[in-house]
Amino acid sequence: MRVPCKLSCPDNVRVGVALWLGCGFAAFLLARLIPLGRGGWAAELALTLTAALLLGTVATALDFGGWREPDWRAGLFAVFGSFAAAGALRAVQSRKPTGGRP
């Protein structure tokens, strides 16, 4: 059940955004456990956090929580999307040219 927070509620200012970033960091840590295609950590961290913020914003537009209210659906949306973005980054980085002429 959601309980709306008034603008005067100082303790819940950015809880939703913190949830998204936490889920992005969890996706980063989970991706770092998988050794296949592991590259530089800085690009992967930046991508997972950016994807988590973007997907959290999309989840807010789809009414899965919001800036000020944490919602488990927005968290799942952010963590799975960030993990997919890390996988896509690794797939692009590990592309090797096949035999034959370029």
PDB file of N, CA and C in Angstrom:
ATOM      1  N   MET A   1       0.835  -1.156   0.000  1.00  0.00           N
ATOM      2  CA  MET A   1       0.000   0.000   0.000  1.00  0.00           C
ATOM      3  C   MET A   1       0.900   1.245   0.000  1.00  0.00           C
ATOM      4  N   ARG A   2       0.581   2.180  -0.816  1.00  0.00           N
ATOM      5  CA  ARG A   2       1.346   3.415  -0.884  1.00  0.00           C
ATOM      6  C   ARG A   2       0.763   4.452   0.052  1.00  0.00           C
ATOM      7  N   VAL A   3       1.651   5.170   0.694  1.00  0.00           N
ATOM      8  CA  VAL A   3       1.246   6.286   1.540  1.00  0.00           C
ATOM      9  C   VAL A   3       1.896   7.524   0.953  1.00  0.00           C
ATOM     10  N   PRO A   4       1.115   8.489   0.468  1.00  0.00           N
ATOM     11  CA  PRO A   4       1.713   9.671  -0.145  1.00  0.00           C
ATOM     12  C   PRO A   4       2.479  10.498   0.885  1.00  0.00           C
ATOM     13  N   CYS A   5       3.601  11.012   0.457  1.00  0.00           N
ATOM     14  CA  CYS A   5       4.428  11.842   1.324  1.00  0.00           C
ATOM     15  C   CYS A   5       4.196  13.299   0.960  1.00  0.00           C
ATOM     16  N   LYS A   6       3.986  14.110   1.959  1.00  0.00           N
ATOM     17  CA  LYS A   6       3.805  15.537   1.715  1.00  0.00           C
ATOM     18  C   LYS A   6       5.154  16.176   1.436  1.00  0.00           C
ATOM     19  N   LEU A   7       5.148  17.317   0.813  1.00  0.00           N
ATOM     20  CA  LEU A   7       6.389  18.001   0.495  1.00  0.00           C
ATOM     21  C   LEU A   7       7.155  18.429   1.739  1.00  0.00           C
ATOM     22  N   SER A   8       6.487  18.507   2.854  1.00  0.00           N
ATOM     23  CA  SER A   8       7.163  18.915   4.081  1.00  0.00           C
ATOM     24  C   SER A   8       7.833  17.741   4.797  1.00  0.00           C
ATOM     25  N   CYS A   9       7.764  16.557   4.241  1.00  0.00           N
ATOM     26  CA  CYS A   9       8.348  15.362   4.853  1.00  0.00           C
ATOM     27  C   CYS A   9       9.839  15.308   4.521  1.00  0.00           C
ATOM     28  N   PRO A  10      10.739  15.730   5.426  1.00  0.00           N
ATOM     29  CA  PRO A  10      12.149  15.845   5.079  1.00  0.00           C
ATOM     30  C   PRO A  10      12.904  14.520   5.025  1.00  0.00           C
ATOM     31  N   ASP A  11      12.389  13.461   5.642  1.00  0.00           N
ATOM     32  CA  ASP A  11      13.147  12.221   5.684  1.00  0.00           C
ATOM     33  C   ASP A  11      12.980  11.361   4.436  1.00  0.00           C
ATOM     34  N   ASN A  12      12.030  11.654   3.591  1.00  0.00           N
ATOM     35  CA  ASN A  12      11.778  10.857   2.392  1.00  0.00           C
ATOM     36  C   ASN A  12      12.074  11.641   1.116  1.00  0.00           C
ATOM     37  N   VAL A  13      13.046  12.519   1.151  1.00  0.00           N
ATOM     38  CA  VAL A  13      13.247  13.434   0.030  1.00  0.00           C
ATOM     39  C   VAL A  13      13.604  12.687  -1.253  1.00  0.00           C
ATOM     40  N   ARG A  14      14.587  11.805  -1.199  1.00  0.00           N
ATOM     41  CA  ARG A  14      15.023  11.124  -2.414  1.00  0.00           C
ATOM     42  C   ARG A  14      15.181   9.621  -2.199  1.00  0.00           C
ATOM     43  N   VAL A  15      14.229   9.019  -1.550  1.00  0.00           N
ATOM     44  CA  VAL A  15      14.327   7.593  -1.256  1.00  0.00           C
ATOM     45  C   VAL A  15      14.194   6.755  -2.517  1.00  0.00           C
ATOM     46  N   GLY A  16      13.315   7.139  -3.428  1.00  0.00           N
ATOM     47  CA  GLY A  16      13.161   6.397  -4.673  1.00  0.00           C
ATOM     48  C   GLY A  16      14.427   6.419  -5.502  1.00  0.00           C
ATOM     49  N   VAL A  17      15.064   7.573  -5.598  1.00  0.00           N
ATOM     50  CA  VAL A  17      16.308   7.701  -6.365  1.00  0.00           C
ATOM     51  C   VAL A  17      17.415   6.876  -5.705  1.00  0.00           C
ATOM     52  N   ALA A  18      17.451   6.866  -4.382  1.00  0.00           N
ATOM     53  CA  ALA A  18      18.446   6.057  -3.672  1.00  0.00           C
ATOM     54  C   ALA A  18      18.218   4.570  -3.940  1.00  0.00           C
ATOM     55  N   LEU A  19      16.958   4.157  -4.026  1.00  0.00           N
ATOM     56  CA  LEU A  19      16.653   2.765  -4.357  1.00  0.00           C
ATOM     57  C   LEU A  19      17.150   2.421  -5.750  1.00  0.00           C
ATOM     58  N   TRP A  20      16.922   3.305  -6.708  1.00  0.00           N
ATOM     59  CA  TRP A  20      17.373   3.055  -8.068  1.00  0.00           C
ATOM     60  C   TRP A  20      18.890   2.932  -8.126  1.00  0.00           C
ATOM     61  N   LEU A  21      19.595   3.857  -7.463  1.00  0.00           N
ATOM     62  CA  LEU A  21      21.058   3.798  -7.476  1.00  0.00           C
ATOM     63  C   LEU A  21      21.576   2.557  -6.753  1.00  0.00           C
ATOM     64  N   GLY A  22      20.917   2.186  -5.675  1.00  0.00           N
ATOM     65  CA  GLY A  22      21.303   0.959  -4.974  1.00  0.00           C
ATOM     66  C   GLY A  22      21.111  -0.270  -5.844  1.00  0.00           C
ATOM     67  N   CYS A  23      20.031  -0.295  -6.596  1.00  0.00           N
ATOM     68  CA  CYS A  23      19.793  -1.421  -7.509  1.00  0.00           C
ATOM     69  C   CYS A  23      20.795  -1.425  -8.653  1.00  0.00           C
ATOM     70  N   GLY A  24      21.168  -0.252  -9.132  1.00  0.00           N
ATOM     71  CA  GLY A  24      22.204  -0.176 -10.166  1.00  0.00           C
ATOM     72  C   GLY A  24      23.544  -0.667  -9.657  1.00  0.00           C
ATOM     73  N   PHE A  25      23.875  -0.321  -8.408  1.00  0.00           N
ATOM     74  CA  PHE A  25      25.126  -0.790  -7.819  1.00  0.00           C
ATOM     75  C   PHE A  25      25.079  -2.296  -7.576  1.00  0.00           C
ATOM     76  N   ALA A  26      23.922  -2.820  -7.192  1.00  0.00           N
ATOM     77  CA  ALA A  26      23.777  -4.266  -7.021  1.00  0.00           C
ATOM     78  C   ALA A  26      23.955  -4.993  -8.351  1.00  0.00           C
ATOM     79  N   ALA A  27      23.430  -4.412  -9.431  1.00  0.00           N
ATOM     80  CA  ALA A  27      23.616  -5.005 -10.750  1.00  0.00           C
ATOM     81  C   ALA A  27      25.086  -4.968 -11.154  1.00  0.00           C
ATOM     82  N   PHE A  28      25.771  -3.887 -10.809  1.00  0.00           N
ATOM     83  CA  PHE A  28      27.205  -3.786 -11.088  1.00  0.00           C
ATOM     84  C   PHE A  28      27.974  -4.879 -10.349  1.00  0.00           C
ATOM     85  N   LEU A  29      27.685  -5.056  -9.055  1.00  0.00           N
ATOM     86  CA  LEU A  29      28.379  -6.085  -8.276  1.00  0.00           C
ATOM     87  C   LEU A  29      28.086  -7.486  -8.809  1.00  0.00           C
ATOM     88  N   LEU A  30      26.843  -7.725  -9.182  1.00  0.00           N
ATOM     89  CA  LEU A  30      26.481  -9.021  -9.742  1.00  0.00           C
ATOM     90  C   LEU A  30      27.191  -9.260 -11.072  1.00  0.00           C
ATOM     91  N   ALA A  31      27.292  -8.234 -11.888  1.00  0.00           N
ATOM     92  CA  ALA A  31      27.982  -8.364 -13.172  1.00  0.00           C
ATOM     93  C   ALA A  31      29.482  -8.582 -12.975  1.00  0.00           C
ATOM     94  N   ARG A  32      30.054  -7.989 -11.938  1.00  0.00           N
ATOM     95  CA  ARG A  32      31.487  -8.170 -11.682  1.00  0.00           C
ATOM     96  C   ARG A  32      31.809  -9.586 -11.208  1.00  0.00           C
ATOM     97  N   LEU A  33      30.820 -10.300 -10.693  1.00  0.00           N
ATOM     98  CA  LEU A  33      31.051 -11.689 -10.284  1.00  0.00           C
ATOM     99  C   LEU A  33      31.187 -12.627 -11.484  1.00  0.00           C
ATOM    100  N   ILE A  34      30.655 -12.232 -12.614  1.00  0.00           N
ATOM    101  CA  ILE A  34      30.714 -13.055 -13.821  1.00  0.00           C
ATOM    102  C   ILE A  34      31.984 -12.688 -14.586  1.00  0.00           C
ATOM    103  N   PRO A  35      32.935 -13.617 -14.717  1.00  0.00           N
ATOM    104  CA  PRO A  35      34.221 -13.265 -15.318  1.00  0.00           C
ATOM    105  C   PRO A  35      34.199 -13.141 -16.842  1.00  0.00           C
ATOM    106  N   LEU A  36      33.225 -13.712 -17.504  1.00  0.00           N
ATOM    107  CA  LEU A  36      33.195 -13.715 -18.958  1.00  0.00           C
ATOM    108  C   LEU A  36      33.063 -12.300 -19.517  1.00  0.00           C
ATOM    109  N   GLY A  37      34.038 -11.865 -20.283  1.00  0.00           N
ATOM    110  CA  GLY A  37      33.990 -10.556 -20.925  1.00  0.00           C
ATOM    111  C   GLY A  37      34.245  -9.392 -20.003  1.00  0.00           C
ATOM    112  N   ARG A  38      34.809  -9.643 -18.840  1.00  0.00           N
ATOM    113  CA  ARG A  38      35.032  -8.576 -17.865  1.00  0.00           C
ATOM    114  C   ARG A  38      36.079  -7.602 -18.397  1.00  0.00           C
ATOM    115  N   GLY A  39      35.741  -6.337 -18.377  1.00  0.00           N
ATOM    116  CA  GLY A  39      36.655  -5.287 -18.827  1.00  0.00           C
ATOM    117  C   GLY A  39      36.915  -4.311 -17.706  1.00  0.00           C
ATOM    118  N   GLY A  40      37.002  -3.055 -18.048  1.00  0.00           N
ATOM    119  CA  GLY A  40      37.234  -2.020 -17.054  1.00  0.00           C
ATOM    120  C   GLY A  40      36.005  -1.803 -16.179  1.00  0.00           C
ATOM    121  N   TRP A  41      36.232  -1.583 -14.898  1.00  0.00           N
ATOM    122  CA  TRP A  41      35.126  -1.455 -13.962  1.00  0.00           C
ATOM    123  C   TRP A  41      34.481  -0.074 -14.000  1.00  0.00           C
ATOM    124  N   ALA A  42      35.237   0.952 -14.367  1.00  0.00           N
ATOM    125  CA  ALA A  42      34.699   2.314 -14.320  1.00  0.00           C
ATOM    126  C   ALA A  42      33.578   2.517 -15.345  1.00  0.00           C
ATOM    127  N   ALA A  43      33.783   2.038 -16.549  1.00  0.00           N
ATOM    128  CA  ALA A  43      32.759   2.184 -17.583  1.00  0.00           C
ATOM    129  C   ALA A  43      31.513   1.376 -17.232  1.00  0.00           C
ATOM    130  N   GLU A  44      31.734   0.197 -16.674  1.00  0.00           N
ATOM    131  CA  GLU A  44      30.612  -0.653 -16.298  1.00  0.00           C
ATOM    132  C   GLU A  44      29.800  -0.039 -15.150  1.00  0.00           C
ATOM    133  N   LEU A  45      30.501   0.540 -14.182  1.00  0.00           N
ATOM    134  CA  LEU A  45      29.817   1.195 -13.068  1.00  0.00           C
ATOM    135  C   LEU A  45      29.027   2.405 -13.546  1.00  0.00           C
ATOM    136  N   ALA A  46      29.646   3.220 -14.383  1.00  0.00           N
ATOM    137  CA  ALA A  46      28.952   4.401 -14.906  1.00  0.00           C
ATOM    138  C   ALA A  46      27.718   4.004 -15.713  1.00  0.00           C
ATOM    139  N   LEU A  47      27.851   2.958 -16.515  1.00  0.00           N
ATOM    140  CA  LEU A  47      26.721   2.522 -17.333  1.00  0.00           C
ATOM    141  C   LEU A  47      25.588   1.961 -16.479  1.00  0.00           C
ATOM    142  N   THR A  48      25.910   1.138 -15.482  1.00  0.00           N
ATOM    143  CA  THR A  48      24.846   0.551 -14.666  1.00  0.00           C
ATOM    144  C   THR A  48      24.124   1.613 -13.840  1.00  0.00           C
ATOM    145  N   LEU A  49      24.851   2.588 -13.310  1.00  0.00           N
ATOM    146  CA  LEU A  49      24.195   3.641 -12.531  1.00  0.00           C
ATOM    147  C   LEU A  49      23.348   4.546 -13.416  1.00  0.00           C
ATOM    148  N   THR A  50      23.858   4.865 -14.601  1.00  0.00           N
ATOM    149  CA  THR A  50      23.086   5.688 -15.539  1.00  0.00           C
ATOM    150  C   THR A  50      21.830   4.955 -16.002  1.00  0.00           C
ATOM    151  N   ALA A  51      21.983   3.668 -16.303  1.00  0.00           N
ATOM    152  CA  ALA A  51      20.824   2.881 -16.730  1.00  0.00           C
ATOM    153  C   ALA A  51      19.809   2.775 -15.606  1.00  0.00           C
ATOM    154  N   ALA A  52      20.276   2.635 -14.366  1.00  0.00           N
ATOM    155  CA  ALA A  52      19.350   2.556 -13.234  1.00  0.00           C
ATOM    156  C   ALA A  52      18.567   3.853 -13.066  1.00  0.00           C
ATOM    157  N   LEU A  53      19.233   4.984 -13.211  1.00  0.00           N
ATOM    158  CA  LEU A  53      18.524   6.268 -13.114  1.00  0.00           C
ATOM    159  C   LEU A  53      17.522   6.437 -14.244  1.00  0.00           C
ATOM    160  N   LEU A  54      17.924   6.079 -15.446  1.00  0.00           N
ATOM    161  CA  LEU A  54      17.030   6.191 -16.594  1.00  0.00           C
ATOM    162  C   LEU A  54      15.830   5.265 -16.443  1.00  0.00           C
ATOM    163  N   LEU A  55      16.084   4.026 -16.055  1.00  0.00           N
ATOM    164  CA  LEU A  55      14.989   3.068 -15.901  1.00  0.00           C
ATOM    165  C   LEU A  55      14.110   3.383 -14.695  1.00  0.00           C
ATOM    166  N   GLY A  56      14.687   3.980 -13.663  1.00  0.00           N
ATOM    167  CA  GLY A  56      13.875   4.431 -12.539  1.00  0.00           C
ATOM    168  C   GLY A  56      12.936   5.546 -12.943  1.00  0.00           C
ATOM    169  N   THR A  57      13.416   6.430 -13.804  1.00  0.00           N
ATOM    170  CA  THR A  57      12.568   7.496 -14.328  1.00  0.00           C
ATOM    171  C   THR A  57      11.446   6.921 -15.197  1.00  0.00           C
ATOM    172  N   VAL A  58      11.784   5.922 -16.009  1.00  0.00           N
ATOM    173  CA  VAL A  58      10.758   5.259 -16.819  1.00  0.00           C
ATOM    174  C   VAL A  58       9.745   4.551 -15.919  1.00  0.00           C
ATOM    175  N   ALA A  59      10.233   3.922 -14.857  1.00  0.00           N
ATOM    176  CA  ALA A  59       9.329   3.253 -13.916  1.00  0.00           C
ATOM    177  C   ALA A  59       8.403   4.266 -13.241  1.00  0.00           C
ATOM    178  N   THR A  60       8.905   5.453 -12.967  1.00  0.00           N
ATOM    179  CA  THR A  60       8.064   6.502 -12.398  1.00  0.00           C
ATOM    180  C   THR A  60       6.986   6.914 -13.395  1.00  0.00           C
ATOM    181  N   ALA A  61       7.362   7.013 -14.665  1.00  0.00           N
ATOM    182  CA  ALA A  61       6.379   7.355 -15.687  1.00  0.00           C
ATOM    183  C   ALA A  61       5.318   6.264 -15.828  1.00  0.00           C
ATOM    184  N   LEU A  62       5.698   5.006 -15.555  1.00  0.00           N
ATOM    185  CA  LEU A  62       4.752   3.892 -15.605  1.00  0.00           C
ATOM    186  C   LEU A  62       4.013   3.696 -14.279  1.00  0.00           C
ATOM    187  N   ASP A  63       4.240   4.613 -13.335  1.00  0.00           N
ATOM    188  CA  ASP A  63       3.596   4.617 -12.015  1.00  0.00           C
ATOM    189  C   ASP A  63       4.032   3.437 -11.149  1.00  0.00           C
ATOM    190  N   PHE A  64       5.319   3.083 -11.246  1.00  0.00           N
ATOM    191  CA  PHE A  64       5.923   2.098 -10.339  1.00  0.00           C
ATOM    192  C   PHE A  64       6.722   2.872  -9.306  1.00  0.00           C
ATOM    193  N   GLY A  65       6.100   3.467  -8.354  1.00  0.00           N
ATOM    194  CA  GLY A  65       6.820   4.248  -7.350  1.00  0.00           C
ATOM    195  C   GLY A  65       7.024   5.666  -7.821  1.00  0.00           C
ATOM    196  N   GLY A  66       8.115   6.260  -7.403  1.00  0.00           N
ATOM    197  CA  GLY A  66       8.397   7.631  -7.783  1.00  0.00           C
ATOM    198  C   GLY A  66       9.677   8.116  -7.148  1.00  0.00           C
ATOM    199  N   TRP A  67       9.942   9.425  -7.269  1.00  0.00           N
ATOM    200  CA  TRP A  67      11.142  10.027  -6.710  1.00  0.00           C
ATOM    201  C   TRP A  67      11.184   9.875  -5.199  1.00  0.00           C
ATOM    202  N   ARG A  68      10.027  10.033  -4.578  1.00  0.00           N
ATOM    203  CA  ARG A  68       9.965  10.098  -3.116  1.00  0.00           C
ATOM    204  C   ARG A  68       9.445   8.827  -2.455  1.00  0.00           C
ATOM    205  N   GLU A  69       9.116   7.840  -3.226  1.00  0.00           N
ATOM    206  CA  GLU A  69       8.582   6.628  -2.620  1.00  0.00           C
ATOM    207  C   GLU A  69       9.234   5.399  -3.256  1.00  0.00           C
ATOM    208  N   PRO A  70       9.870   4.566  -2.445  1.00  0.00           N
ATOM    209  CA  PRO A  70      10.473   3.350  -2.985  1.00  0.00           C
ATOM    210  C   PRO A  70       9.397   2.324  -3.319  1.00  0.00           C
ATOM    211  N   ASP A  71       9.563   1.654  -4.413  1.00  0.00           N
ATOM    212  CA  ASP A  71       8.614   0.637  -4.825  1.00  0.00           C
ATOM    213  C   ASP A  71       9.404  -0.560  -5.341  1.00  0.00           C
ATOM    214  N   TRP A  72       9.046  -1.745  -4.943  1.00  0.00           N
ATOM    215  CA  TRP A  72       9.800  -2.924  -5.325  1.00  0.00           C
ATOM    216  C   TRP A  72       9.775  -3.156  -6.833  1.00  0.00           C
ATOM    217  N   ARG A  73       8.697  -2.749  -7.495  1.00  0.00           N
ATOM    218  CA  ARG A  73       8.630  -2.918  -8.949  1.00  0.00           C
ATOM    219  C   ARG A  73       9.640  -2.028  -9.658  1.00  0.00           C
ATOM    220  N   ALA A  74       9.809  -0.810  -9.171  1.00  0.00           N
ATOM    221  CA  ALA A  74      10.811   0.090  -9.750  1.00  0.00           C
ATOM    222  C   ALA A  74      12.213  -0.447  -9.488  1.00  0.00           C
ATOM    223  N   GLY A  75      12.423  -1.038  -8.313  1.00  0.00           N
ATOM    224  CA  GLY A  75      13.718  -1.631  -7.999  1.00  0.00           C
ATOM    225  C   GLY A  75      14.051  -2.790  -8.925  1.00  0.00           C
ATOM    226  N   LEU A  76      13.086  -3.665  -9.157  1.00  0.00           N
ATOM    227  CA  LEU A  76      13.323  -4.780 -10.084  1.00  0.00           C
ATOM    228  C   LEU A  76      13.558  -4.280 -11.502  1.00  0.00           C
ATOM    229  N   PHE A  77      12.801  -3.292 -11.904  1.00  0.00           N
ATOM    230  CA  PHE A  77      12.957  -2.702 -13.230  1.00  0.00           C
ATOM    231  C   PHE A  77      14.374  -2.146 -13.391  1.00  0.00           C
ATOM    232  N   ALA A  78      14.850  -1.451 -12.363  1.00  0.00           N
ATOM    233  CA  ALA A  78      16.182  -0.845 -12.415  1.00  0.00           C
ATOM    234  C   ALA A  78      17.285  -1.894 -12.362  1.00  0.00           C
ATOM    235  N   VAL A  79      17.165  -2.899 -11.502  1.00  0.00           N
ATOM    236  CA  VAL A  79      18.247  -3.876 -11.362  1.00  0.00           C
ATOM    237  C   VAL A  79      18.344  -4.774 -12.593  1.00  0.00           C
ATOM    238  N   PHE A  80      17.231  -5.247 -13.120  1.00  0.00           N
ATOM    239  CA  PHE A  80      17.303  -6.107 -14.303  1.00  0.00           C
ATOM    240  C   PHE A  80      17.722  -5.322 -15.545  1.00  0.00           C
ATOM    241  N   GLY A  81      17.243  -4.097 -15.672  1.00  0.00           N
ATOM    242  CA  GLY A  81      17.654  -3.276 -16.813  1.00  0.00           C
ATOM    243  C   GLY A  81      19.120  -2.895 -16.754  1.00  0.00           C
ATOM    244  N   SER A  82      19.626  -2.588 -15.567  1.00  0.00           N
ATOM    245  CA  SER A  82      21.045  -2.257 -15.418  1.00  0.00           C
ATOM    246  C   SER A  82      21.924  -3.468 -15.688  1.00  0.00           C
ATOM    247  N   PHE A  83      21.468  -4.631 -15.240  1.00  0.00           N
ATOM    248  CA  PHE A  83      22.220  -5.857 -15.506  1.00  0.00           C
ATOM    249  C   PHE A  83      22.252  -6.159 -17.000  1.00  0.00           C
ATOM    250  N   ALA A  84      21.142  -5.925 -17.683  1.00  0.00           N
ATOM    251  CA  ALA A  84      21.102  -6.107 -19.140  1.00  0.00           C
ATOM    252  C   ALA A  84      22.009  -5.106 -19.846  1.00  0.00           C
ATOM    253  N   ALA A  85      22.074  -3.878 -19.343  1.00  0.00           N
ATOM    254  CA  ALA A  85      22.961  -2.875 -19.942  1.00  0.00           C
ATOM    255  C   ALA A  85      24.420  -3.270 -19.759  1.00  0.00           C
ATOM    256  N   ALA A  86      24.771  -3.820 -18.583  1.00  0.00           N
ATOM    257  CA  ALA A  86      26.142  -4.285 -18.359  1.00  0.00           C
ATOM    258  C   ALA A  86      26.473  -5.447 -19.291  1.00  0.00           C
ATOM    259  N   GLY A  87      25.512  -6.335 -19.502  1.00  0.00           N
ATOM    260  CA  GLY A  87      25.717  -7.438 -20.445  1.00  0.00           C
ATOM    261  C   GLY A  87      25.886  -6.955 -21.874  1.00  0.00           C
ATOM    262  N   ALA A  88      25.119  -5.944 -22.258  1.00  0.00           N
ATOM    263  CA  ALA A  88      25.259  -5.385 -23.603  1.00  0.00           C
ATOM    264  C   ALA A  88      26.614  -4.712 -23.780  1.00  0.00           C
ATOM    265  N   LEU A  89      27.080  -4.023 -22.742  1.00  0.00           N
ATOM    266  CA  LEU A  89      28.403  -3.401 -22.808  1.00  0.00           C
ATOM    267  C   LEU A  89      29.481  -4.457 -22.977  1.00  0.00           C
ATOM    268  N   ARG A  90      29.393  -5.536 -22.228  1.00  0.00           N
ATOM    269  CA  ARG A  90      30.381  -6.606 -22.358  1.00  0.00           C
ATOM    270  C   ARG A  90      30.315  -7.265 -23.725  1.00  0.00           C
ATOM    271  N   ALA A  91      29.121  -7.414 -24.268  1.00  0.00           N
ATOM    272  CA  ALA A  91      28.984  -8.012 -25.596  1.00  0.00           C
ATOM    273  C   ALA A  91      29.627  -7.133 -26.661  1.00  0.00           C
ATOM    274  N   VAL A  92      29.459  -5.832 -26.541  1.00  0.00           N
ATOM    275  CA  VAL A  92      30.056  -4.913 -27.514  1.00  0.00           C
ATOM    276  C   VAL A  92      31.570  -4.881 -27.363  1.00  0.00           C
ATOM    277  N   GLN A  93      32.059  -4.891 -26.125  1.00  0.00           N
ATOM    278  CA  GLN A  93      33.503  -4.839 -25.892  1.00  0.00           C
ATOM    279  C   GLN A  93      34.215  -6.119 -26.293  1.00  0.00           C
ATOM    280  N   SER A  94      33.530  -7.249 -26.211  1.00  0.00           N
ATOM    281  CA  SER A  94      34.186  -8.518 -26.515  1.00  0.00           C
ATOM    282  C   SER A  94      34.057  -8.930 -27.972  1.00  0.00           C
ATOM    283  N   ARG A  95      33.449  -8.090 -28.773  1.00  0.00           N
ATOM    284  CA  ARG A  95      33.344  -8.409 -30.203  1.00  0.00           C
ATOM    285  C   ARG A  95      34.716  -8.514 -30.811  1.00  0.00           C
ATOM    286  N   LYS A  96      34.973  -9.603 -31.436  1.00  0.00           N
ATOM    287  CA  LYS A  96      36.258  -9.803 -32.107  1.00  0.00           C
ATOM    288  C   LYS A  96      35.992  -9.994 -33.582  1.00  0.00           C
ATOM    289  N   PRO A  97      36.865  -9.450 -34.402  1.00  0.00           N
ATOM    290  CA  PRO A  97      36.657  -9.638 -35.843  1.00  0.00           C
ATOM    291  C   PRO A  97      36.862 -11.106 -36.229  1.00  0.00           C
ATOM    292  N   THR A  98      36.022 -11.557 -37.122  1.00  0.00           N
ATOM    293  CA  THR A  98      36.145 -12.936 -37.583  1.00  0.00           C
ATOM    294  C   THR A  98      37.178 -13.002 -38.688  1.00  0.00           C
ATOM    295  N   GLY A  99      37.530 -14.202 -39.071  1.00  0.00           N
ATOM    296  CA  GLY A  99      38.537 -14.394 -40.125  1.00  0.00           C
ATOM    297  C   GLY A  99      38.066 -13.814 -41.451  1.00  0.00           C
ATOM    298  N   GLY A 100      39.001 -13.604 -42.329  1.00  0.00           N
ATOM    299  CA  GLY A 100      38.668 -13.032 -43.622  1.00  0.00           C
ATOM    300  C   GLY A 100      39.115 -11.584 -43.733  1.00  0.00           C
ATOM    301  N   ARG A 101      38.764 -10.997 -44.829  1.00  0.00           N
ATOM    302  CA  ARG A 101      39.169  -9.613 -45.058  1.00  0.00           C
ATOM    303  C   ARG A 101      38.237  -8.654 -44.335  1.00  0.00           C
ATOM    304  N   PRO A 102      38.788  -7.546 -43.856  1.00  0.00           N
ATOM    305  CA  PRO A 102      37.944  -6.548 -43.204  1.00  0.00           C
ATOM    306  C   PRO A 102      37.086  -5.768 -44.173  1.00  0.00           C
TER     307      PRO A 102
END
